[in-house]
Amino acid sequence: MARKLSANIDFAALQAQLQAQFSGLDPNDPSRWPIVPKVSALLGVFCVVFGLLWYVWLDGLSVELEVDQQKEVELRKVYVDKLSQAINLESLRKQLEEVRQYVNQLEKQLPSKAEMDALLSDINQAGLGRSLQFELFRPGQVVVKEYYAELPISVKISGAYHDVGLFASDIAHLSRIVTLNDIQLAPMKDKQNQLMLEGVAKTFRYLDLDEVEAQRKAKEKKVGP
């Protein structure tokens, strides 16, 4: 016949033994503590350290998450911009071609260095053709820009009111670009119905290859290494 074993555990006695191990502990000498308090203390320290490390790790992940979220917003914006450009690519190409044609048209209105004398003669003839009297016609110093050169011409002419106005219109309709700047109009005291126009006519020309090269070198020298 098999013997049936049964064990009755006295939980009250076990609890009393555990409480006895936690009583009278010397906090200055943990090495003399019973095994249960030692293990409990080690578990407590482990939990605190683990909790701190977990908090620091989560805090670092939170910062990384915020950075990544910001990058996501920026990348989405870049994506939307590029998508919009891709959708409108054909339209942008058409606009670019229109701009190129317009620039080419403007370039054709700019004389070369060799054609400047002919242009000055055209301006002079525009005044003489309207029966105007040139009191002053003096080309100034050429101002070289990055892509073109500008020639100011100081002019002072006199003539009838309508003729002066037609002269300004003729200048605007020259085949080359000429502008009138700093205009001053005043009636002539000694001649009735006569005006004196004083100002600066500016014309423009494109740069020769040597001038373009000189501009490029000057720009590189200005920027420096």
N, C-alpha and C. Protein backbone atom coordinates (compact mmCIF):
# COMPACT_ATOMS: atom_id res chain seq x y z
N MET A 1 0.87 -1.17 0.00
CA MET A 1 0.00 0.00 0.00
C MET A 1 0.91 1.23 0.00
N ALA A 2 0.60 2.16 -0.94
CA ALA A 2 1.40 3.40 -1.01
C ALA A 2 1.08 4.28 0.16
N ARG A 3 2.14 4.84 0.68
CA ARG A 3 1.95 5.74 1.82
C ARG A 3 1.73 7.15 1.28
N LYS A 4 0.66 7.76 1.73
CA LYS A 4 0.32 9.11 1.31
C LYS A 4 0.92 10.08 2.30
N LEU A 5 1.85 10.93 1.74
CA LEU A 5 2.54 11.89 2.59
C LEU A 5 1.84 13.24 2.50
N SER A 6 1.74 13.86 3.54
CA SER A 6 1.15 15.21 3.57
C SER A 6 2.02 16.07 4.46
N ALA A 7 2.19 17.33 4.06
CA ALA A 7 3.01 18.29 4.82
C ALA A 7 2.17 19.50 5.13
N ASN A 8 2.18 19.86 6.33
CA ASN A 8 1.47 21.05 6.77
C ASN A 8 2.50 22.14 7.07
N ILE A 9 2.41 23.23 6.34
CA ILE A 9 3.35 24.35 6.49
C ILE A 9 2.77 25.33 7.48
N ASP A 10 3.59 25.68 8.43
CA ASP A 10 3.18 26.66 9.43
C ASP A 10 3.59 28.04 8.92
N PHE A 11 2.65 28.71 8.24
CA PHE A 11 2.95 30.02 7.66
C PHE A 11 3.19 31.07 8.73
N ALA A 12 2.53 30.95 9.82
CA ALA A 12 2.72 31.92 10.90
C ALA A 12 4.14 31.85 11.43
N ALA A 13 4.65 30.60 11.59
CA ALA A 13 6.02 30.45 12.08
C ALA A 13 7.02 30.97 11.05
N LEU A 14 6.73 30.71 9.74
CA LEU A 14 7.63 31.17 8.68
C LEU A 14 7.67 32.69 8.63
N GLN A 15 6.50 33.31 8.78
CA GLN A 15 6.44 34.77 8.78
C GLN A 15 7.20 35.35 9.96
N ALA A 16 7.09 34.68 11.09
CA ALA A 16 7.80 35.15 12.28
C ALA A 16 9.30 35.06 12.08
N GLN A 17 9.77 33.97 11.43
CA GLN A 17 11.20 33.82 11.17
C GLN A 17 11.71 34.93 10.24
N LEU A 18 10.90 35.24 9.19
CA LEU A 18 11.33 36.29 8.26
C LEU A 18 11.39 37.64 8.94
N GLN A 19 10.37 37.93 9.76
CA GLN A 19 10.37 39.20 10.48
C GLN A 19 11.55 39.29 11.43
N ALA A 20 11.93 38.13 12.02
CA ALA A 20 13.06 38.11 12.96
C ALA A 20 14.35 38.45 12.24
N GLN A 21 14.46 38.03 10.94
CA GLN A 21 15.69 38.33 10.20
C GLN A 21 15.81 39.82 9.89
N PHE A 22 14.67 40.53 9.80
CA PHE A 22 14.70 41.96 9.47
C PHE A 22 14.80 42.85 10.71
N SER A 23 14.73 42.23 11.89
CA SER A 23 14.80 43.03 13.11
C SER A 23 16.24 43.12 13.61
N GLY A 24 16.59 44.26 14.16
CA GLY A 24 17.91 44.47 14.73
C GLY A 24 19.04 44.51 13.73
N LEU A 25 18.75 44.92 12.49
CA LEU A 25 19.78 44.99 11.47
C LEU A 25 20.67 46.21 11.70
N ASP A 26 21.98 46.04 11.48
CA ASP A 26 22.93 47.14 11.63
C ASP A 26 23.15 47.76 10.24
N PRO A 27 22.64 48.97 10.01
CA PRO A 27 22.78 49.57 8.66
C PRO A 27 24.22 49.86 8.31
N ASN A 28 25.13 49.92 9.28
CA ASN A 28 26.54 50.21 9.00
C ASN A 28 27.32 48.96 8.61
N ASP A 29 26.75 47.79 8.78
CA ASP A 29 27.46 46.54 8.48
C ASP A 29 26.52 45.55 7.81
N PRO A 30 26.16 45.79 6.54
CA PRO A 30 25.23 44.89 5.84
C PRO A 30 25.79 43.50 5.66
N SER A 31 27.12 43.35 5.77
CA SER A 31 27.68 42.02 5.54
C SER A 31 27.24 41.01 6.60
N ARG A 32 26.81 41.49 7.76
CA ARG A 32 26.39 40.59 8.83
C ARG A 32 24.87 40.36 8.82
N TRP A 33 24.20 40.89 7.82
CA TRP A 33 22.76 40.69 7.75
C TRP A 33 22.46 39.25 7.36
N PRO A 34 21.29 38.75 7.73
CA PRO A 34 20.85 37.43 7.27
C PRO A 34 20.65 37.45 5.76
N ILE A 35 20.48 36.28 5.19
CA ILE A 35 20.42 36.12 3.75
C ILE A 35 19.23 36.84 3.13
N VAL A 36 18.07 36.76 3.80
CA VAL A 36 16.86 37.35 3.21
C VAL A 36 16.98 38.87 3.11
N PRO A 37 17.40 39.58 4.16
CA PRO A 37 17.57 41.03 4.02
C PRO A 37 18.62 41.40 2.98
N LYS A 38 19.70 40.62 2.89
CA LYS A 38 20.72 40.89 1.88
C LYS A 38 20.13 40.81 0.47
N VAL A 39 19.41 39.70 0.22
CA VAL A 39 18.82 39.53 -1.10
C VAL A 39 17.80 40.63 -1.39
N SER A 40 17.00 40.99 -0.37
CA SER A 40 16.00 42.04 -0.55
C SER A 40 16.67 43.38 -0.87
N ALA A 41 17.78 43.69 -0.14
CA ALA A 41 18.49 44.94 -0.39
C ALA A 41 19.07 44.97 -1.79
N LEU A 42 19.67 43.83 -2.22
CA LEU A 42 20.23 43.78 -3.56
C LEU A 42 19.15 43.96 -4.63
N LEU A 43 18.00 43.30 -4.41
CA LEU A 43 16.89 43.47 -5.36
C LEU A 43 16.42 44.91 -5.42
N GLY A 44 16.37 45.56 -4.24
CA GLY A 44 15.95 46.97 -4.21
C GLY A 44 16.91 47.87 -4.97
N VAL A 45 18.23 47.67 -4.73
CA VAL A 45 19.23 48.47 -5.45
C VAL A 45 19.13 48.22 -6.95
N PHE A 46 18.97 46.96 -7.32
CA PHE A 46 18.86 46.62 -8.74
C PHE A 46 17.65 47.31 -9.37
N CYS A 47 16.53 47.30 -8.67
CA CYS A 47 15.32 47.95 -9.21
C CYS A 47 15.52 49.45 -9.39
N VAL A 48 16.18 50.09 -8.40
CA VAL A 48 16.41 51.54 -8.50
C VAL A 48 17.31 51.85 -9.67
N VAL A 49 18.44 51.10 -9.78
CA VAL A 49 19.38 51.33 -10.89
C VAL A 49 18.72 51.06 -12.23
N PHE A 50 17.98 49.96 -12.29
CA PHE A 50 17.30 49.64 -13.54
C PHE A 50 16.28 50.71 -13.91
N GLY A 51 15.56 51.22 -12.90
CA GLY A 51 14.58 52.27 -13.15
C GLY A 51 15.23 53.55 -13.67
N LEU A 52 16.39 53.93 -13.08
CA LEU A 52 17.09 55.13 -13.53
C LEU A 52 17.60 54.96 -14.96
N LEU A 53 18.20 53.79 -15.24
CA LEU A 53 18.68 53.54 -16.59
C LEU A 53 17.54 53.54 -17.60
N TRP A 54 16.45 52.95 -17.21
CA TRP A 54 15.27 52.92 -18.08
C TRP A 54 14.76 54.33 -18.37
N TYR A 55 14.75 55.18 -17.34
CA TYR A 55 14.29 56.56 -17.51
C TYR A 55 15.23 57.33 -18.45
N VAL A 56 16.54 57.18 -18.22
CA VAL A 56 17.52 57.88 -19.07
C VAL A 56 17.39 57.39 -20.51
N TRP A 57 17.25 56.10 -20.71
CA TRP A 57 17.12 55.55 -22.06
C TRP A 57 15.86 56.06 -22.75
N LEU A 58 14.75 56.06 -22.02
CA LEU A 58 13.50 56.57 -22.59
C LEU A 58 13.59 58.05 -22.90
N ASP A 59 14.29 58.81 -22.02
CA ASP A 59 14.44 60.24 -22.25
C ASP A 59 15.26 60.49 -23.52
N GLY A 60 16.32 59.70 -23.73
CA GLY A 60 17.11 59.82 -24.95
C GLY A 60 16.30 59.47 -26.18
N LEU A 61 15.48 58.42 -26.06
CA LEU A 61 14.62 58.04 -27.17
C LEU A 61 13.60 59.13 -27.48
N SER A 62 13.13 59.81 -26.43
CA SER A 62 12.16 60.89 -26.64
C SER A 62 12.78 62.03 -27.43
N VAL A 63 14.04 62.38 -27.09
CA VAL A 63 14.72 63.43 -27.85
C VAL A 63 14.93 63.02 -29.30
N GLU A 64 15.38 61.77 -29.51
CA GLU A 64 15.58 61.29 -30.87
C GLU A 64 14.27 61.27 -31.64
N LEU A 65 13.19 60.93 -30.95
CA LEU A 65 11.89 60.89 -31.60
C LEU A 65 11.47 62.29 -32.06
N GLU A 66 11.70 63.29 -31.21
CA GLU A 66 11.35 64.66 -31.59
C GLU A 66 12.17 65.13 -32.79
N VAL A 67 13.47 64.78 -32.79
CA VAL A 67 14.34 65.15 -33.91
C VAL A 67 13.86 64.48 -35.20
N ASP A 68 13.55 63.19 -35.10
CA ASP A 68 13.09 62.46 -36.28
C ASP A 68 11.74 62.99 -36.77
N GLN A 69 10.87 63.37 -35.84
CA GLN A 69 9.58 63.93 -36.25
C GLN A 69 9.78 65.26 -36.98
N GLN A 70 10.72 66.08 -36.50
CA GLN A 70 11.01 67.34 -37.17
C GLN A 70 11.57 67.09 -38.56
N LYS A 71 12.47 66.10 -38.67
CA LYS A 71 13.02 65.75 -39.98
C LYS A 71 11.92 65.26 -40.91
N GLU A 72 10.98 64.51 -40.34
CA GLU A 72 9.88 64.00 -41.16
C GLU A 72 9.06 65.15 -41.74
N VAL A 73 8.80 66.17 -40.91
CA VAL A 73 8.04 67.34 -41.38
C VAL A 73 8.80 68.04 -42.51
N GLU A 74 10.13 68.22 -42.31
CA GLU A 74 10.93 68.89 -43.33
C GLU A 74 10.99 68.07 -44.62
N LEU A 75 11.16 66.76 -44.49
CA LEU A 75 11.21 65.90 -45.67
C LEU A 75 9.88 65.88 -46.40
N ARG A 76 8.79 65.91 -45.65
CA ARG A 76 7.47 65.97 -46.28
C ARG A 76 7.32 67.25 -47.10
N LYS A 77 7.80 68.36 -46.52
CA LYS A 77 7.72 69.65 -47.22
C LYS A 77 8.55 69.62 -48.50
N VAL A 78 9.78 69.07 -48.40
CA VAL A 78 10.63 68.95 -49.59
C VAL A 78 9.96 68.06 -50.64
N TYR A 79 9.36 66.97 -50.17
CA TYR A 79 8.69 66.05 -51.08
C TYR A 79 7.53 66.75 -51.80
N VAL A 80 6.73 67.50 -51.04
CA VAL A 80 5.59 68.20 -51.64
C VAL A 80 6.07 69.24 -52.65
N ASP A 81 7.15 69.97 -52.30
CA ASP A 81 7.69 70.98 -53.23
C ASP A 81 8.18 70.34 -54.51
N LYS A 82 8.93 69.24 -54.37
CA LYS A 82 9.47 68.57 -55.55
C LYS A 82 8.35 67.92 -56.37
N LEU A 83 7.34 67.42 -55.67
CA LEU A 83 6.21 66.83 -56.39
C LEU A 83 5.49 67.90 -57.19
N SER A 84 5.33 69.09 -56.58
CA SER A 84 4.69 70.20 -57.29
C SER A 84 5.51 70.61 -58.50
N GLN A 85 6.84 70.64 -58.34
CA GLN A 85 7.70 70.99 -59.47
C GLN A 85 7.62 69.93 -60.57
N ALA A 86 7.56 68.67 -60.14
CA ALA A 86 7.48 67.60 -61.13
C ALA A 86 6.17 67.67 -61.92
N ILE A 87 5.09 67.99 -61.21
CA ILE A 87 3.79 68.10 -61.87
C ILE A 87 3.79 69.25 -62.87
N ASN A 88 4.46 70.37 -62.47
CA ASN A 88 4.48 71.57 -63.32
C ASN A 88 5.74 71.65 -64.18
N LEU A 89 6.45 70.52 -64.35
CA LEU A 89 7.72 70.55 -65.07
C LEU A 89 7.55 71.05 -66.49
N GLU A 90 6.55 70.56 -67.18
CA GLU A 90 6.35 70.97 -68.57
C GLU A 90 6.05 72.46 -68.67
N SER A 91 5.23 72.94 -67.73
CA SER A 91 4.92 74.38 -67.72
C SER A 91 6.17 75.20 -67.41
N LEU A 92 7.00 74.71 -66.47
CA LEU A 92 8.24 75.43 -66.13
C LEU A 92 9.20 75.45 -67.31
N ARG A 93 9.28 74.34 -68.04
CA ARG A 93 10.13 74.31 -69.22
C ARG A 93 9.67 75.32 -70.26
N LYS A 94 8.38 75.44 -70.41
CA LYS A 94 7.83 76.39 -71.37
C LYS A 94 8.14 77.82 -70.95
N GLN A 95 8.00 78.09 -69.64
CA GLN A 95 8.32 79.43 -69.14
C GLN A 95 9.81 79.73 -69.32
N LEU A 96 10.66 78.72 -69.07
CA LEU A 96 12.10 78.91 -69.24
C LEU A 96 12.44 79.25 -70.68
N GLU A 97 11.81 78.56 -71.61
CA GLU A 97 12.05 78.83 -73.02
C GLU A 97 11.59 80.25 -73.39
N GLU A 98 10.46 80.69 -72.83
CA GLU A 98 9.98 82.05 -73.08
C GLU A 98 10.96 83.08 -72.53
N VAL A 99 11.50 82.80 -71.33
CA VAL A 99 12.47 83.72 -70.75
C VAL A 99 13.73 83.79 -71.61
N ARG A 100 14.19 82.64 -72.09
CA ARG A 100 15.38 82.61 -72.95
C ARG A 100 15.14 83.41 -74.22
N GLN A 101 13.98 83.27 -74.82
CA GLN A 101 13.67 84.03 -76.03
C GLN A 101 13.64 85.52 -75.74
N TYR A 102 13.07 85.87 -74.57
CA TYR A 102 13.01 87.29 -74.20
C TYR A 102 14.40 87.86 -73.98
N VAL A 103 15.26 87.08 -73.31
CA VAL A 103 16.64 87.52 -73.07
C VAL A 103 17.38 87.67 -74.40
N ASN A 104 17.19 86.71 -75.30
CA ASN A 104 17.83 86.82 -76.61
C ASN A 104 17.37 88.05 -77.36
N GLN A 105 16.08 88.35 -77.23
CA GLN A 105 15.54 89.54 -77.87
C GLN A 105 16.17 90.82 -77.31
N LEU A 106 16.33 90.83 -75.97
CA LEU A 106 16.97 92.00 -75.35
C LEU A 106 18.43 92.11 -75.75
N GLU A 107 19.12 90.96 -75.83
CA GLU A 107 20.52 90.98 -76.22
C GLU A 107 20.71 91.55 -77.62
N LYS A 108 19.73 91.28 -78.50
CA LYS A 108 19.82 91.80 -79.85
C LYS A 108 19.69 93.32 -79.88
N GLN A 109 19.10 93.88 -78.81
CA GLN A 109 18.96 95.34 -78.74
C GLN A 109 20.20 96.00 -78.15
N LEU A 110 21.15 95.19 -77.71
CA LEU A 110 22.39 95.74 -77.17
C LEU A 110 23.45 95.76 -78.28
N PRO A 111 24.01 96.91 -78.56
CA PRO A 111 25.05 96.98 -79.60
C PRO A 111 26.36 96.41 -79.08
N SER A 112 27.24 96.11 -80.01
CA SER A 112 28.58 95.70 -79.63
C SER A 112 29.44 96.95 -79.43
N LYS A 113 30.66 96.73 -79.02
CA LYS A 113 31.58 97.85 -78.79
C LYS A 113 31.83 98.61 -80.09
N ALA A 114 31.90 97.86 -81.19
CA ALA A 114 32.16 98.49 -82.49
C ALA A 114 30.96 99.27 -83.01
N GLU A 115 29.76 98.96 -82.52
CA GLU A 115 28.55 99.63 -83.01
C GLU A 115 28.15 100.85 -82.19
N MET A 116 28.91 101.16 -81.14
CA MET A 116 28.55 102.27 -80.26
C MET A 116 28.59 103.61 -80.98
N ASP A 117 29.56 103.81 -81.85
CA ASP A 117 29.66 105.09 -82.56
C ASP A 117 28.43 105.33 -83.42
N ALA A 118 27.94 104.25 -84.06
CA ALA A 118 26.74 104.37 -84.89
C ALA A 118 25.52 104.72 -84.04
N LEU A 119 25.46 104.15 -82.83
CA LEU A 119 24.33 104.44 -81.95
C LEU A 119 24.38 105.89 -81.48
N LEU A 120 25.55 106.38 -81.15
CA LEU A 120 25.68 107.79 -80.75
C LEU A 120 25.24 108.71 -81.89
N SER A 121 25.58 108.31 -83.10
CA SER A 121 25.15 109.09 -84.26
C SER A 121 23.63 109.05 -84.41
N ASP A 122 23.00 107.90 -84.12
CA ASP A 122 21.54 107.79 -84.19
C ASP A 122 20.86 108.72 -83.18
N ILE A 123 21.42 108.77 -81.97
CA ILE A 123 20.85 109.67 -80.96
C ILE A 123 20.96 111.12 -81.40
N ASN A 124 22.10 111.47 -81.96
CA ASN A 124 22.31 112.84 -82.42
C ASN A 124 21.35 113.16 -83.58
N GLN A 125 21.19 112.21 -84.49
CA GLN A 125 20.30 112.43 -85.62
C GLN A 125 18.84 112.52 -85.20
N ALA A 126 18.48 111.81 -84.10
CA ALA A 126 17.11 111.90 -83.59
C ALA A 126 16.80 113.32 -83.16
N GLY A 127 17.76 114.01 -82.58
CA GLY A 127 17.54 115.40 -82.19
C GLY A 127 17.55 116.34 -83.37
N LEU A 128 18.50 116.16 -84.28
CA LEU A 128 18.57 117.03 -85.45
C LEU A 128 17.36 116.85 -86.36
N GLY A 129 16.85 115.60 -86.40
CA GLY A 129 15.68 115.35 -87.23
C GLY A 129 14.44 116.05 -86.72
N ARG A 130 14.43 116.43 -85.45
CA ARG A 130 13.31 117.19 -84.87
C ARG A 130 13.62 118.68 -84.76
N SER A 131 14.65 119.10 -85.49
CA SER A 131 15.04 120.51 -85.52
C SER A 131 15.42 121.03 -84.14
N LEU A 132 16.05 120.18 -83.34
CA LEU A 132 16.49 120.60 -82.01
C LEU A 132 17.94 121.04 -82.07
N GLN A 133 18.27 121.94 -81.17
CA GLN A 133 19.63 122.46 -81.09
C GLN A 133 20.35 121.79 -79.93
N PHE A 134 21.46 121.11 -80.21
CA PHE A 134 22.24 120.48 -79.15
C PHE A 134 23.17 121.51 -78.54
N GLU A 135 22.91 121.82 -77.26
CA GLU A 135 23.81 122.69 -76.51
C GLU A 135 24.96 121.86 -75.89
N LEU A 136 24.65 120.57 -75.64
CA LEU A 136 25.65 119.68 -75.04
C LEU A 136 25.36 118.25 -75.46
N PHE A 137 26.38 117.55 -75.88
CA PHE A 137 26.29 116.13 -76.20
C PHE A 137 27.65 115.53 -75.86
N ARG A 138 27.78 115.01 -74.61
CA ARG A 138 29.08 114.59 -74.12
C ARG A 138 29.00 113.19 -73.53
N PRO A 139 29.53 112.18 -74.25
CA PRO A 139 29.59 110.82 -73.68
C PRO A 139 30.50 110.79 -72.45
N GLY A 140 30.08 110.04 -71.44
CA GLY A 140 30.86 109.94 -70.21
C GLY A 140 31.70 108.69 -70.16
N GLN A 141 32.11 108.35 -68.95
CA GLN A 141 32.95 107.18 -68.75
C GLN A 141 32.11 105.90 -68.79
N VAL A 142 32.58 104.90 -69.50
CA VAL A 142 31.87 103.61 -69.60
C VAL A 142 31.91 102.92 -68.24
N VAL A 143 30.75 102.45 -67.80
CA VAL A 143 30.65 101.72 -66.55
C VAL A 143 30.43 100.25 -66.89
N VAL A 144 31.40 99.42 -66.57
CA VAL A 144 31.33 97.99 -66.90
C VAL A 144 30.63 97.24 -65.76
N LYS A 145 29.54 96.59 -66.08
CA LYS A 145 28.82 95.75 -65.12
C LYS A 145 29.23 94.29 -65.32
N GLU A 146 28.51 93.40 -64.65
CA GLU A 146 28.88 91.99 -64.73
C GLU A 146 28.62 91.39 -66.10
N TYR A 147 27.50 91.78 -66.73
CA TYR A 147 27.15 91.19 -68.01
C TYR A 147 27.03 92.21 -69.14
N TYR A 148 27.16 93.48 -68.84
CA TYR A 148 27.00 94.50 -69.87
C TYR A 148 27.78 95.75 -69.47
N ALA A 149 27.87 96.69 -70.41
CA ALA A 149 28.53 97.96 -70.15
C ALA A 149 27.52 99.08 -70.36
N GLU A 150 27.64 100.11 -69.55
CA GLU A 150 26.70 101.23 -69.58
C GLU A 150 27.45 102.51 -69.95
N LEU A 151 26.92 103.25 -70.93
CA LEU A 151 27.54 104.49 -71.36
C LEU A 151 26.58 105.65 -71.10
N PRO A 152 26.89 106.54 -70.15
CA PRO A 152 26.06 107.72 -69.93
C PRO A 152 26.47 108.86 -70.87
N ILE A 153 25.47 109.57 -71.36
CA ILE A 153 25.73 110.69 -72.27
C ILE A 153 25.00 111.91 -71.74
N SER A 154 25.73 112.92 -71.37
CA SER A 154 25.11 114.16 -70.90
C SER A 154 24.60 114.94 -72.11
N VAL A 155 23.31 115.29 -72.09
CA VAL A 155 22.72 116.01 -73.23
C VAL A 155 22.01 117.26 -72.73
N LYS A 156 22.02 118.24 -73.58
CA LYS A 156 21.31 119.49 -73.31
C LYS A 156 20.85 120.02 -74.65
N ILE A 157 19.52 120.01 -74.84
CA ILE A 157 18.97 120.39 -76.14
C ILE A 157 17.88 121.43 -75.94
N SER A 158 17.64 122.18 -76.97
CA SER A 158 16.59 123.20 -76.94
C SER A 158 15.78 123.11 -78.22
N GLY A 159 14.49 123.46 -78.10
CA GLY A 159 13.62 123.43 -79.26
C GLY A 159 12.18 123.63 -78.85
N ALA A 160 11.31 123.47 -79.81
CA ALA A 160 9.89 123.65 -79.56
C ALA A 160 9.37 122.55 -78.64
N TYR A 161 8.30 122.87 -77.93
CA TYR A 161 7.74 121.96 -76.93
C TYR A 161 7.42 120.60 -77.53
N HIS A 162 6.69 120.59 -78.67
CA HIS A 162 6.29 119.32 -79.27
C HIS A 162 7.49 118.57 -79.84
N ASP A 163 8.46 119.30 -80.35
CA ASP A 163 9.64 118.64 -80.91
C ASP A 163 10.46 117.94 -79.82
N VAL A 164 10.52 118.58 -78.66
CA VAL A 164 11.23 117.94 -77.54
C VAL A 164 10.53 116.65 -77.15
N GLY A 165 9.20 116.67 -77.09
CA GLY A 165 8.45 115.47 -76.75
C GLY A 165 8.62 114.38 -77.79
N LEU A 166 8.62 114.76 -79.07
CA LEU A 166 8.82 113.77 -80.13
C LEU A 166 10.23 113.19 -80.10
N PHE A 167 11.20 113.99 -79.71
CA PHE A 167 12.57 113.51 -79.58
C PHE A 167 12.64 112.40 -78.53
N ALA A 168 11.99 112.62 -77.38
CA ALA A 168 11.97 111.59 -76.33
C ALA A 168 11.30 110.32 -76.83
N SER A 169 10.25 110.46 -77.65
CA SER A 169 9.58 109.29 -78.21
C SER A 169 10.48 108.58 -79.21
N ASP A 170 11.20 109.34 -80.01
CA ASP A 170 12.12 108.73 -80.98
C ASP A 170 13.22 107.95 -80.28
N ILE A 171 13.72 108.48 -79.18
CA ILE A 171 14.77 107.78 -78.43
C ILE A 171 14.25 106.44 -77.90
N ALA A 172 12.99 106.45 -77.43
CA ALA A 172 12.41 105.22 -76.89
C ALA A 172 12.20 104.16 -77.97
N HIS A 173 12.08 104.59 -79.24
CA HIS A 173 11.79 103.64 -80.31
C HIS A 173 13.02 103.31 -81.15
N LEU A 174 14.20 103.68 -80.69
CA LEU A 174 15.41 103.28 -81.40
C LEU A 174 15.56 101.76 -81.36
N SER A 175 16.26 101.22 -82.35
CA SER A 175 16.44 99.76 -82.40
C SER A 175 17.29 99.26 -81.25
N ARG A 176 18.12 100.14 -80.68
CA ARG A 176 18.93 99.81 -79.52
C ARG A 176 18.33 100.45 -78.27
N ILE A 177 18.68 99.89 -77.11
CA ILE A 177 18.11 100.38 -75.85
C ILE A 177 18.80 101.67 -75.45
N VAL A 178 18.01 102.74 -75.33
CA VAL A 178 18.50 104.03 -74.84
C VAL A 178 17.45 104.57 -73.87
N THR A 179 17.89 105.02 -72.72
CA THR A 179 16.96 105.59 -71.72
C THR A 179 17.37 107.02 -71.41
N LEU A 180 16.36 107.83 -71.09
CA LEU A 180 16.60 109.22 -70.67
C LEU A 180 16.42 109.30 -69.16
N ASN A 181 17.40 109.84 -68.48
CA ASN A 181 17.39 109.87 -67.01
C ASN A 181 17.70 111.29 -66.52
N ASP A 182 17.24 111.55 -65.29
CA ASP A 182 17.51 112.84 -64.62
C ASP A 182 17.12 114.02 -65.52
N ILE A 183 15.95 113.92 -66.12
CA ILE A 183 15.51 114.95 -67.07
C ILE A 183 15.06 116.22 -66.32
N GLN A 184 15.49 117.36 -66.82
CA GLN A 184 15.05 118.66 -66.33
C GLN A 184 14.57 119.49 -67.51
N LEU A 185 13.33 119.99 -67.39
CA LEU A 185 12.73 120.81 -68.45
C LEU A 185 12.52 122.22 -67.92
N ALA A 186 12.86 123.19 -68.74
CA ALA A 186 12.68 124.59 -68.33
C ALA A 186 12.41 125.43 -69.57
N PRO A 187 11.47 126.37 -69.49
CA PRO A 187 11.22 127.26 -70.65
C PRO A 187 12.40 128.20 -70.85
N MET A 188 12.65 128.51 -72.10
CA MET A 188 13.73 129.44 -72.42
C MET A 188 13.22 130.87 -72.32
N LYS A 189 13.93 131.67 -71.60
CA LYS A 189 13.48 133.04 -71.33
C LYS A 189 13.52 133.93 -72.57
N ASP A 190 14.51 133.70 -73.40
CA ASP A 190 14.67 134.61 -74.55
C ASP A 190 13.95 134.13 -75.80
N LYS A 191 13.32 132.92 -75.75
CA LYS A 191 12.60 132.40 -76.91
C LYS A 191 11.24 131.89 -76.48
N GLN A 192 10.22 132.37 -77.10
CA GLN A 192 8.86 131.98 -76.74
C GLN A 192 8.54 130.59 -77.29
N ASN A 193 7.80 129.82 -76.48
CA ASN A 193 7.39 128.45 -76.83
C ASN A 193 8.58 127.52 -77.09
N GLN A 194 9.69 127.82 -76.45
CA GLN A 194 10.87 127.00 -76.58
C GLN A 194 11.23 126.40 -75.22
N LEU A 195 11.68 125.15 -75.24
CA LEU A 195 12.06 124.45 -74.01
C LEU A 195 13.54 124.07 -74.05
N MET A 196 14.10 123.97 -72.85
CA MET A 196 15.45 123.46 -72.69
C MET A 196 15.36 122.14 -71.94
N LEU A 197 15.86 121.05 -72.55
CA LEU A 197 15.86 119.74 -71.91
C LEU A 197 17.31 119.40 -71.55
N GLU A 198 17.49 119.05 -70.30
CA GLU A 198 18.81 118.66 -69.83
C GLU A 198 18.68 117.33 -69.09
N GLY A 199 19.56 116.41 -69.38
CA GLY A 199 19.50 115.11 -68.71
C GLY A 199 20.65 114.22 -69.13
N VAL A 200 20.48 112.92 -68.83
CA VAL A 200 21.50 111.93 -69.15
C VAL A 200 20.85 110.82 -69.95
N ALA A 201 21.33 110.62 -71.16
CA ALA A 201 20.89 109.49 -71.97
C ALA A 201 21.84 108.33 -71.70
N LYS A 202 21.28 107.18 -71.38
CA LYS A 202 22.10 106.00 -71.09
C LYS A 202 21.83 104.93 -72.15
N THR A 203 22.90 104.42 -72.69
CA THR A 203 22.79 103.31 -73.61
C THR A 203 23.66 102.17 -73.11
N PHE A 204 23.40 100.99 -73.62
CA PHE A 204 24.03 99.79 -73.07
C PHE A 204 24.56 98.93 -74.22
N ARG A 205 25.62 98.22 -73.96
CA ARG A 205 26.16 97.29 -74.93
C ARG A 205 26.61 96.01 -74.21
N TYR A 206 26.65 94.92 -74.96
CA TYR A 206 27.13 93.69 -74.36
C TYR A 206 28.65 93.69 -74.34
N LEU A 207 29.23 92.90 -73.47
CA LEU A 207 30.67 92.88 -73.29
C LEU A 207 31.33 91.99 -74.35
N ASP A 208 32.51 92.42 -74.78
CA ASP A 208 33.31 91.57 -75.66
C ASP A 208 33.88 90.41 -74.86
N LEU A 209 34.41 89.41 -75.56
CA LEU A 209 34.93 88.22 -74.89
C LEU A 209 36.06 88.56 -73.92
N ASP A 210 36.93 89.48 -74.32
CA ASP A 210 38.03 89.85 -73.42
C ASP A 210 37.52 90.58 -72.18
N GLU A 211 36.45 91.36 -72.36
CA GLU A 211 35.86 92.04 -71.21
C GLU A 211 35.17 91.06 -70.28
N VAL A 212 34.50 90.06 -70.84
CA VAL A 212 33.86 89.03 -70.02
C VAL A 212 34.90 88.27 -69.22
N GLU A 213 36.03 87.94 -69.87
CA GLU A 213 37.10 87.23 -69.18
C GLU A 213 37.70 88.09 -68.07
N ALA A 214 37.87 89.38 -68.33
CA ALA A 214 38.40 90.29 -67.31
C ALA A 214 37.45 90.39 -66.13
N GLN A 215 36.14 90.42 -66.40
CA GLN A 215 35.15 90.47 -65.33
C GLN A 215 35.19 89.19 -64.50
N ARG A 216 35.36 88.05 -65.17
CA ARG A 216 35.40 86.77 -64.46
C ARG A 216 36.61 86.71 -63.53
N LYS A 217 37.78 87.15 -64.03
CA LYS A 217 38.98 87.13 -63.22
C LYS A 217 38.87 88.08 -62.04
N ALA A 218 38.27 89.25 -62.28
CA ALA A 218 38.10 90.23 -61.20
C ALA A 218 37.17 89.69 -60.12
N LYS A 219 36.14 88.95 -60.54
CA LYS A 219 35.20 88.37 -59.59
C LYS A 219 35.87 87.28 -58.76
N GLU A 220 36.68 86.44 -59.42
CA GLU A 220 37.39 85.38 -58.71
C GLU A 220 38.40 85.96 -57.74
N LYS A 221 39.07 87.04 -58.14
CA LYS A 221 40.05 87.68 -57.27
C LYS A 221 39.37 88.30 -56.06
N LYS A 222 38.18 88.85 -56.26
CA LYS A 222 37.44 89.46 -55.17
C LYS A 222 36.99 88.41 -54.16
N VAL A 223 36.52 87.26 -54.68
CA VAL A 223 36.08 86.18 -53.79
C VAL A 223 37.25 85.61 -53.03
N GLY A 224 38.38 85.42 -53.73
CA GLY A 224 39.58 84.92 -53.07
C GLY A 224 39.52 83.44 -52.82
N PRO A 225 40.67 82.85 -52.33
CA PRO A 225 40.69 81.41 -52.07
C PRO A 225 39.89 81.07 -50.83
